[in-house]
């Protein structure tokens, strides 16, 4: 039976339970520490630059429209916060990509009850680095042109009013791509094939991406929710892909 369209929260909740289980906890600790150090550094930097970034993006209004500054300022605070969030998520996932790919493998082993992947070793983890980093660069190539277009839109008067909602929708879609790509890559599914599959599961994907996006916006909580998102995305893959496999027979 196909999973409900709004199944994202369920996948993330189950993913959190999995990464907290004794068998998988060890694969979470190192990327968690890396993300913690990155998060502290980025928050320290953003805290010193945040007001400057907001003031730079804010449009210059004539005196007779100055009252609109009180309306526009919160909107541009949200816009800058989304940009900072994207930067942290992007850097964290590039650095943690090999660990996330390996975590996805181990989650799938637990979920399926069978192990078709190589046994854990530091050599195996290191061997995953080139492949996972190449995949992250492919995601970056997908992300940057679209993010640049949204960035340009953010500086165009009047049109920049829709920049924040567009960033939100794009961010939700990118969260689905970011995390569901780990199990897809483990199964050697090509980039374009993975995107096509996600588009077929558009609403399920947006549901998962939306809940991940929401929880990753919460400081400190987001550090634990990143590996939970990897586990939840793996559950998404196993169940939704399994349904597709059955239907294609």
Protein backbone atom coordinates (compact mmCIF):
# COMPACT_ATOMS: atom_id res chain seq x y z
CA UNK A 1 0.00 0.00 0.00
CA UNK A 2 1.53 3.40 -0.97
CA UNK A 3 2.69 5.62 1.87
CA UNK A 4 0.52 8.66 2.70
CA UNK A 5 1.41 11.86 0.87
CA UNK A 6 2.21 13.67 4.14
CA UNK A 7 4.40 10.89 5.53
CA UNK A 8 7.47 13.06 6.09
CA UNK A 9 7.05 13.58 9.87
CA UNK A 10 6.64 9.83 10.34
CA UNK A 11 9.86 9.07 8.48
CA UNK A 12 11.81 11.66 10.46
CA UNK A 13 10.40 10.46 13.79
CA UNK A 14 11.34 6.86 13.02
CA UNK A 15 14.74 8.01 11.77
CA UNK A 16 15.42 9.73 15.09
CA UNK A 17 14.58 6.55 16.99
CA UNK A 18 16.96 4.58 14.77
CA UNK A 19 19.99 6.88 15.22
CA UNK A 20 19.48 6.85 18.99
CA UNK A 21 19.52 3.05 19.09
CA UNK A 22 22.74 1.42 20.43
CA UNK A 23 23.59 -0.27 17.12
CA UNK A 24 23.68 2.97 15.13
CA UNK A 25 24.71 5.52 17.74
CA UNK A 26 28.42 5.01 17.09
CA UNK A 27 28.03 6.05 13.42
CA UNK A 28 26.45 9.36 14.51
CA UNK A 29 28.99 10.63 17.04
CA UNK A 30 31.82 11.75 14.74
CA UNK A 31 29.70 13.69 12.20
CA UNK A 32 27.79 15.15 15.15
CA UNK A 33 31.02 16.52 16.61
CA UNK A 34 32.09 17.93 13.22
CA UNK A 35 28.73 19.64 12.76
CA UNK A 36 28.87 21.06 16.29
CA UNK A 37 32.23 22.74 15.64
CA UNK A 38 31.01 24.09 12.29
CA UNK A 39 27.75 25.33 13.81
CA UNK A 40 29.50 27.21 16.61
CA UNK A 41 31.90 28.86 14.17
CA UNK A 42 29.19 29.91 11.72
CA UNK A 43 26.89 31.26 14.42
CA UNK A 44 29.78 33.29 15.87
CA UNK A 45 30.54 34.77 12.44
CA UNK A 46 26.89 35.39 11.53
CA UNK A 47 26.23 37.04 14.88
CA UNK A 48 28.79 39.73 14.05
CA UNK A 49 27.59 40.24 10.46
CA UNK A 50 23.82 39.67 10.63
CA UNK A 51 22.71 43.31 10.99
CA UNK A 52 25.05 44.41 8.21
CA UNK A 53 23.65 41.77 5.83
CA UNK A 54 20.05 42.78 6.61
CA UNK A 55 20.84 46.48 6.08
CA UNK A 56 22.58 45.68 2.77
CA UNK A 57 19.58 43.77 1.41
CA UNK A 58 16.96 46.23 2.63
CA UNK A 59 15.75 48.47 -0.20
CA UNK A 60 16.19 52.25 0.13
CA UNK A 61 12.76 53.83 0.42
CA UNK A 62 11.81 57.50 0.00
CA UNK A 63 10.87 59.37 3.17
CA UNK A 64 7.14 59.18 2.46
CA UNK A 65 7.38 55.37 2.38
CA UNK A 66 9.67 55.05 5.41
CA UNK A 67 6.86 53.50 7.45
CA UNK A 68 7.23 50.38 5.28
CA UNK A 69 10.62 49.71 6.86
CA UNK A 70 8.79 48.32 9.88
CA UNK A 71 6.99 45.87 7.62
CA UNK A 72 9.95 44.94 5.40
CA UNK A 73 12.60 44.57 8.11
CA UNK A 74 11.22 41.28 9.54
CA UNK A 75 10.92 39.90 6.00
CA UNK A 76 14.60 40.57 5.30
CA UNK A 77 15.62 39.20 8.68
CA UNK A 78 13.93 35.96 7.63
CA UNK A 79 15.67 36.12 4.24
CA UNK A 80 19.12 36.47 5.82
CA UNK A 81 18.33 33.71 8.33
CA UNK A 82 17.41 31.40 5.44
CA UNK A 83 20.69 32.21 3.70
CA UNK A 84 22.69 31.47 6.88
CA UNK A 85 20.75 28.24 7.32
CA UNK A 86 21.50 27.19 3.74
CA UNK A 87 25.21 27.94 4.18
CA UNK A 88 25.47 25.88 7.36
CA UNK A 89 23.50 22.97 5.90
CA UNK A 90 25.53 23.00 2.70
CA UNK A 91 28.91 23.02 4.45
CA UNK A 92 27.85 20.50 7.09
CA UNK A 93 26.61 18.02 4.52
CA UNK A 94 29.71 18.34 2.33
CA UNK A 95 31.98 17.65 5.31
CA UNK A 96 29.82 14.86 6.70
CA UNK A 97 28.93 13.27 3.33
CA UNK A 98 31.04 10.07 3.71
CA UNK A 99 29.72 9.52 7.24
CA UNK A 100 26.14 10.16 6.13
CA UNK A 101 26.50 7.72 3.24
CA UNK A 102 27.84 5.07 5.60
CA UNK A 103 25.11 5.80 8.15
CA UNK A 104 22.50 5.38 5.42
CA UNK A 105 23.97 1.96 4.58
CA UNK A 106 23.76 0.81 8.21
CA UNK A 107 20.21 2.12 8.62
CA UNK A 108 19.17 0.15 5.56
CA UNK A 109 20.76 -2.98 7.01
CA UNK A 110 18.70 -2.55 10.20
CA UNK A 111 15.48 -1.82 8.30
CA UNK A 112 15.79 -4.63 5.76
CA UNK A 113 17.32 -7.15 8.16
CA UNK A 114 19.97 -8.14 5.60
CA UNK A 115 23.43 -6.76 4.93
CA UNK A 116 24.42 -6.44 1.27
CA UNK A 117 27.04 -3.78 1.96
CA UNK A 118 30.77 -4.17 2.78
CA UNK A 119 31.63 -4.61 6.46
CA UNK A 120 32.63 -1.50 8.39
CA UNK A 121 36.26 -0.50 8.29
CA UNK A 122 38.08 2.81 8.21
CA UNK A 123 39.42 1.78 4.82
CA UNK A 124 35.88 1.29 3.51
CA UNK A 125 34.84 4.67 4.92
CA UNK A 126 37.83 6.40 3.31
CA UNK A 127 37.08 4.66 0.01
CA UNK A 128 33.62 6.26 0.04
CA UNK A 129 35.05 9.79 0.25
CA UNK A 130 35.70 10.44 -3.48
CA UNK A 131 32.29 9.11 -4.55
CA UNK A 132 30.30 10.92 -1.88
CA UNK A 133 32.17 14.20 -2.36
CA UNK A 134 31.64 13.99 -6.13
CA UNK A 135 27.92 13.56 -5.46
CA UNK A 136 27.94 16.55 -3.12
CA UNK A 137 29.59 18.61 -5.86
CA UNK A 138 26.78 17.51 -8.18
CA UNK A 139 24.26 18.77 -5.64
CA UNK A 140 26.21 22.00 -5.40
CA UNK A 141 26.06 22.35 -9.18
CA UNK A 142 22.29 21.95 -8.99
CA UNK A 143 21.93 24.32 -6.07
CA UNK A 144 24.19 27.26 -6.99
CA UNK A 145 22.57 28.52 -10.23
CA UNK A 146 19.13 28.45 -8.64
CA UNK A 147 20.37 30.03 -5.42
CA UNK A 148 22.17 32.71 -7.44
CA UNK A 149 18.96 33.52 -9.32
CA UNK A 150 17.14 33.87 -6.01
CA UNK A 151 19.97 36.00 -4.65
CA UNK A 152 19.71 38.36 -7.62
CA UNK A 153 15.95 38.49 -7.13
CA UNK A 154 16.57 39.50 -3.50
CA UNK A 155 18.23 42.74 -4.67
CA UNK A 156 15.53 43.78 -7.18
CA UNK A 157 13.07 46.27 -5.61
CA UNK A 158 9.47 45.04 -5.38
CA UNK A 159 10.37 41.62 -6.79
CA UNK A 160 12.50 40.95 -3.73
CA UNK A 161 9.28 40.71 -1.72
CA UNK A 162 8.74 37.22 -3.14
CA UNK A 163 12.35 36.12 -2.54
CA UNK A 164 11.74 34.74 0.96
CA UNK A 165 8.75 32.52 -0.05
CA UNK A 166 10.70 31.24 -3.07
CA UNK A 167 13.72 30.50 -0.88
CA UNK A 168 11.41 28.52 1.40
CA UNK A 169 9.96 26.35 -1.39
CA UNK A 170 13.39 25.83 -2.94
CA UNK A 171 14.85 24.99 0.47
CA UNK A 172 12.22 22.33 1.11
CA UNK A 173 12.92 20.72 -2.26
CA UNK A 174 16.69 20.83 -1.63
CA UNK A 175 16.27 19.12 1.74
CA UNK A 176 14.47 16.23 0.03
CA UNK A 177 17.24 16.01 -2.58
CA UNK A 178 20.04 16.36 -0.03
CA UNK A 179 19.03 13.50 2.22
CA UNK A 180 17.22 11.06 -0.05
CA UNK A 181 20.25 11.17 -2.33
CA UNK A 182 22.34 9.26 0.25
CA UNK A 183 20.50 5.93 -0.10
CA UNK A 184 19.98 6.57 -3.83
CA UNK A 185 23.73 7.03 -4.29
CA UNK A 186 24.48 3.92 -2.21
CA UNK A 187 22.41 2.00 -4.76
CA UNK A 188 24.23 3.69 -7.68
CA UNK A 189 21.10 5.46 -8.91
CA UNK A 190 22.19 8.19 -11.32
CA UNK A 191 21.64 11.85 -10.47
CA UNK A 192 19.03 12.49 -13.17
CA UNK A 193 17.25 9.23 -12.38
CA UNK A 194 17.14 10.18 -8.71
CA UNK A 195 15.63 13.58 -9.53
CA UNK A 196 13.07 11.98 -11.83
CA UNK A 197 12.09 9.53 -9.09
CA UNK A 198 11.70 12.34 -6.55
CA UNK A 199 9.49 14.25 -8.99
CA UNK A 200 7.29 11.19 -9.30
CA UNK A 201 7.03 11.24 -5.49
CA UNK A 202 6.82 15.04 -5.44
CA UNK A 203 4.36 15.51 -2.57
CA UNK A 204 5.87 12.76 -0.42
CA UNK A 205 9.31 14.29 -1.10
CA UNK A 206 8.12 17.81 -0.25
CA UNK A 207 6.49 16.49 2.91
CA UNK A 208 9.76 14.93 4.01
CA UNK A 209 11.82 17.94 2.91
CA UNK A 210 9.43 20.30 4.69
CA UNK A 211 9.67 18.64 8.09
CA UNK A 212 13.45 18.31 7.77
CA UNK A 213 13.70 21.98 6.80
CA UNK A 214 11.60 22.96 9.81
CA UNK A 215 13.56 21.03 12.43
CA UNK A 216 16.94 22.02 10.97
CA UNK A 217 16.03 25.67 11.55
CA UNK A 218 16.05 25.02 15.31
CA UNK A 219 19.52 25.79 16.74
CA UNK A 220 21.28 22.91 18.56
CA UNK A 221 18.36 20.56 17.82
CA UNK A 222 19.43 20.64 14.17
CA UNK A 223 22.74 18.95 15.05
CA UNK A 224 20.98 15.75 16.11
CA UNK A 225 18.30 16.03 13.45
CA UNK A 226 20.82 15.88 10.60
CA UNK A 227 21.67 12.19 11.17
CA UNK A 228 17.98 11.60 11.95
CA UNK A 229 17.18 13.07 8.51
CA UNK A 230 19.67 10.64 6.91
CA UNK A 231 17.96 7.73 8.67
CA UNK A 232 14.49 9.04 7.83
CA UNK A 233 15.45 9.49 4.18
CA UNK A 234 16.73 5.91 4.10
CA UNK A 235 13.38 4.72 5.43
CA UNK A 236 11.72 6.83 2.72
CA UNK A 237 13.90 5.13 0.10
CA UNK A 238 13.33 1.59 1.33
CA UNK A 239 9.56 1.90 1.62
CA UNK A 240 8.77 4.13 -1.35
CA UNK A 241 11.31 2.42 -3.63
CA UNK A 242 10.10 -0.98 -2.49
CA UNK A 243 6.56 0.01 -3.50
CA UNK A 244 7.85 1.03 -6.94
CA UNK A 245 9.69 -2.28 -7.32
CA UNK A 246 6.54 -4.22 -6.56
CA UNK A 247 4.49 -2.18 -9.02
CA UNK A 248 7.06 -2.67 -11.80
CA UNK A 249 6.89 -6.46 -11.65
